């Protein structure tokens, strides 16, 4: 037979090891997500109980207020200088 007769043959590939590896990878990812979720939940509870979340929120509010005030002052100074330089 010529090699062209082999071109029409059906190739069967054994995917069982690949699918087993894929299944194991998915299980590992799911386990990792579950562990991470549990850790985040525990951390959130600990931070809440300690009052750290409230303190972090207060600090962020103070920082953003300071940034806003500084930006307003800079804006005022720039406008003041623009108005005085035109005279």
C-alpha atoms as a PDB file:
ATOM      1  CA  UNK A   1       0.000   0.000   0.000  1.00  0.00           C
ATOM      2  CA  UNK A   2       1.063   3.498  -0.611  1.00  0.00           C
ATOM      3  CA  UNK A   3       1.464   6.072   2.100  1.00  0.00           C
ATOM      4  CA  UNK A   4      -1.534   8.010   0.756  1.00  0.00           C
ATOM      5  CA  UNK A   5      -3.881   5.277   1.946  1.00  0.00           C
ATOM      6  CA  UNK A   6      -2.763   6.054   5.502  1.00  0.00           C
ATOM      7  CA  UNK A   7      -3.896   9.676   5.113  1.00  0.00           C
ATOM      8  CA  UNK A   8      -7.528   8.605   5.419  1.00  0.00           C
ATOM      9  CA  UNK A   9      -6.996   6.618   8.599  1.00  0.00           C
ATOM     10  CA  UNK A  10      -8.521   7.773  11.842  1.00  0.00           C
ATOM     11  CA  UNK A  11      -6.055   8.673  14.528  1.00  0.00           C
ATOM     12  CA  UNK A  12      -7.129   7.925  18.045  1.00  0.00           C
ATOM     13  CA  UNK A  13      -5.303   9.684  20.799  1.00  0.00           C
ATOM     14  CA  UNK A  14      -5.447   8.658  24.406  1.00  0.00           C
ATOM     15  CA  UNK A  15      -6.612  11.757  26.295  1.00  0.00           C
ATOM     16  CA  UNK A  16      -7.033   9.957  29.599  1.00  0.00           C
ATOM     17  CA  UNK A  17      -3.716  11.129  31.066  1.00  0.00           C
ATOM     18  CA  UNK A  18      -4.289  14.682  29.840  1.00  0.00           C
ATOM     19  CA  UNK A  19      -7.806  14.778  31.250  1.00  0.00           C
ATOM     20  CA  UNK A  20      -6.556  13.275  34.525  1.00  0.00           C
ATOM     21  CA  UNK A  21      -3.920  16.001  34.744  1.00  0.00           C
ATOM     22  CA  UNK A  22      -6.492  18.668  33.909  1.00  0.00           C
ATOM     23  CA  UNK A  23      -8.866  17.311  36.527  1.00  0.00           C
ATOM     24  CA  UNK A  24      -6.101  17.307  39.126  1.00  0.00           C
ATOM     25  CA  UNK A  25      -5.092  20.879  38.202  1.00  0.00           C
ATOM     26  CA  UNK A  26      -8.687  22.065  38.555  1.00  0.00           C
ATOM     27  CA  UNK A  27      -8.973  20.348  41.927  1.00  0.00           C
ATOM     28  CA  UNK A  28      -5.745  22.028  43.085  1.00  0.00           C
ATOM     29  CA  UNK A  29      -6.957  25.451  41.958  1.00  0.00           C
ATOM     30  CA  UNK A  30     -10.288  24.938  43.710  1.00  0.00           C
ATOM     31  CA  UNK A  31      -8.517  23.853  46.897  1.00  0.00           C
ATOM     32  CA  UNK A  32      -6.249  26.900  46.730  1.00  0.00           C
ATOM     33  CA  UNK A  33      -9.233  29.216  46.260  1.00  0.00           C
ATOM     34  CA  UNK A  34     -11.010  27.626  49.187  1.00  0.00           C
ATOM     35  CA  UNK A  35      -7.974  28.025  51.440  1.00  0.00           C
ATOM     36  CA  UNK A  36      -7.430  31.616  50.323  1.00  0.00           C
ATOM     37  CA  UNK A  37     -11.065  32.466  50.891  1.00  0.00           C
ATOM     38  CA  UNK A  38     -10.894  31.027  54.374  1.00  0.00           C
ATOM     39  CA  UNK A  39      -7.732  32.985  55.143  1.00  0.00           C
ATOM     40  CA  UNK A  40      -9.246  36.248  53.892  1.00  0.00           C
ATOM     41  CA  UNK A  41     -12.387  35.618  55.935  1.00  0.00           C
ATOM     42  CA  UNK A  42     -10.293  35.026  59.085  1.00  0.00           C
ATOM     43  CA  UNK A  43      -8.192  38.133  58.413  1.00  0.00           C
ATOM     44  CA  UNK A  44     -11.307  40.255  57.883  1.00  0.00           C
ATOM     45  CA  UNK A  45     -12.792  39.046  61.152  1.00  0.00           C
ATOM     46  CA  UNK A  46      -9.551  39.729  63.026  1.00  0.00           C
ATOM     47  CA  UNK A  47      -9.244  43.230  61.543  1.00  0.00           C
ATOM     48  CA  UNK A  48     -12.874  44.000  62.337  1.00  0.00           C
ATOM     49  CA  UNK A  49     -12.573  42.810  65.933  1.00  0.00           C
ATOM     50  CA  UNK A  50      -9.391  44.793  66.490  1.00  0.00           C
ATOM     51  CA  UNK A  51     -10.884  47.994  65.110  1.00  0.00           C
ATOM     52  CA  UNK A  52      -8.176  48.207  62.472  1.00  0.00           C
ATOM     53  CA  UNK A  53     -10.654  48.571  59.609  1.00  0.00           C
ATOM     54  CA  UNK A  54     -12.234  51.624  61.214  1.00  0.00           C
ATOM     55  CA  UNK A  55      -8.776  53.098  61.814  1.00  0.00           C
ATOM     56  CA  UNK A  56      -7.719  52.419  58.223  1.00  0.00           C
ATOM     57  CA  UNK A  57     -10.917  54.055  56.938  1.00  0.00           C
ATOM     58  CA  UNK A  58     -10.339  57.085  59.164  1.00  0.00           C
ATOM     59  CA  UNK A  59      -6.747  57.387  57.967  1.00  0.00           C
ATOM     60  CA  UNK A  60      -7.801  57.184  54.311  1.00  0.00           C
ATOM     61  CA  UNK A  61     -10.441  59.873  54.906  1.00  0.00           C
ATOM     62  CA  UNK A  62      -7.877  62.167  56.560  1.00  0.00           C
ATOM     63  CA  UNK A  63      -5.377  61.592  53.743  1.00  0.00           C
ATOM     64  CA  UNK A  64      -7.902  62.295  51.003  1.00  0.00           C
ATOM     65  CA  UNK A  65      -9.106  65.413  52.829  1.00  0.00           C
ATOM     66  CA  UNK A  66      -5.512  66.668  53.059  1.00  0.00           C
ATOM     67  CA  UNK A  67      -4.929  65.957  49.383  1.00  0.00           C
ATOM     68  CA  UNK A  68      -8.131  67.805  48.438  1.00  0.00           C
ATOM     69  CA  UNK A  69      -7.212  70.800  50.604  1.00  0.00           C
ATOM     70  CA  UNK A  70      -3.695  70.926  49.154  1.00  0.00           C
ATOM     71  CA  UNK A  71      -5.058  70.757  45.594  1.00  0.00           C
ATOM     72  CA  UNK A  72      -7.474  73.604  46.380  1.00  0.00           C
ATOM     73  CA  UNK A  73      -4.656  75.728  47.812  1.00  0.00           C
ATOM     74  CA  UNK A  74      -2.471  75.097  44.764  1.00  0.00           C
ATOM     75  CA  UNK A  75      -5.375  75.964  42.482  1.00  0.00           C
ATOM     76  CA  UNK A  76      -5.975  79.190  44.400  1.00  0.00           C
ATOM     77  CA  UNK A  77      -2.293  80.173  44.229  1.00  0.00           C
ATOM     78  CA  UNK A  78      -2.105  79.466  40.492  1.00  0.00           C
ATOM     79  CA  UNK A  79      -5.229  81.516  39.784  1.00  0.00           C
ATOM     80  CA  UNK A  80      -3.993  84.319  42.033  1.00  0.00           C
ATOM     81  CA  UNK A  81      -0.646  84.427  40.214  1.00  0.00           C
ATOM     82  CA  UNK A  82      -2.345  84.329  36.808  1.00  0.00           C
ATOM     83  CA  UNK A  83      -4.591  87.247  37.737  1.00  0.00           C
ATOM     84  CA  UNK A  84      -1.697  89.296  39.139  1.00  0.00           C
ATOM     85  CA  UNK A  85       0.613  88.620  36.211  1.00  0.00           C
ATOM     86  CA  UNK A  86      -1.943  89.938  33.711  1.00  0.00           C
ATOM     87  CA  UNK A  87      -2.024  93.381  35.361  1.00  0.00           C
END
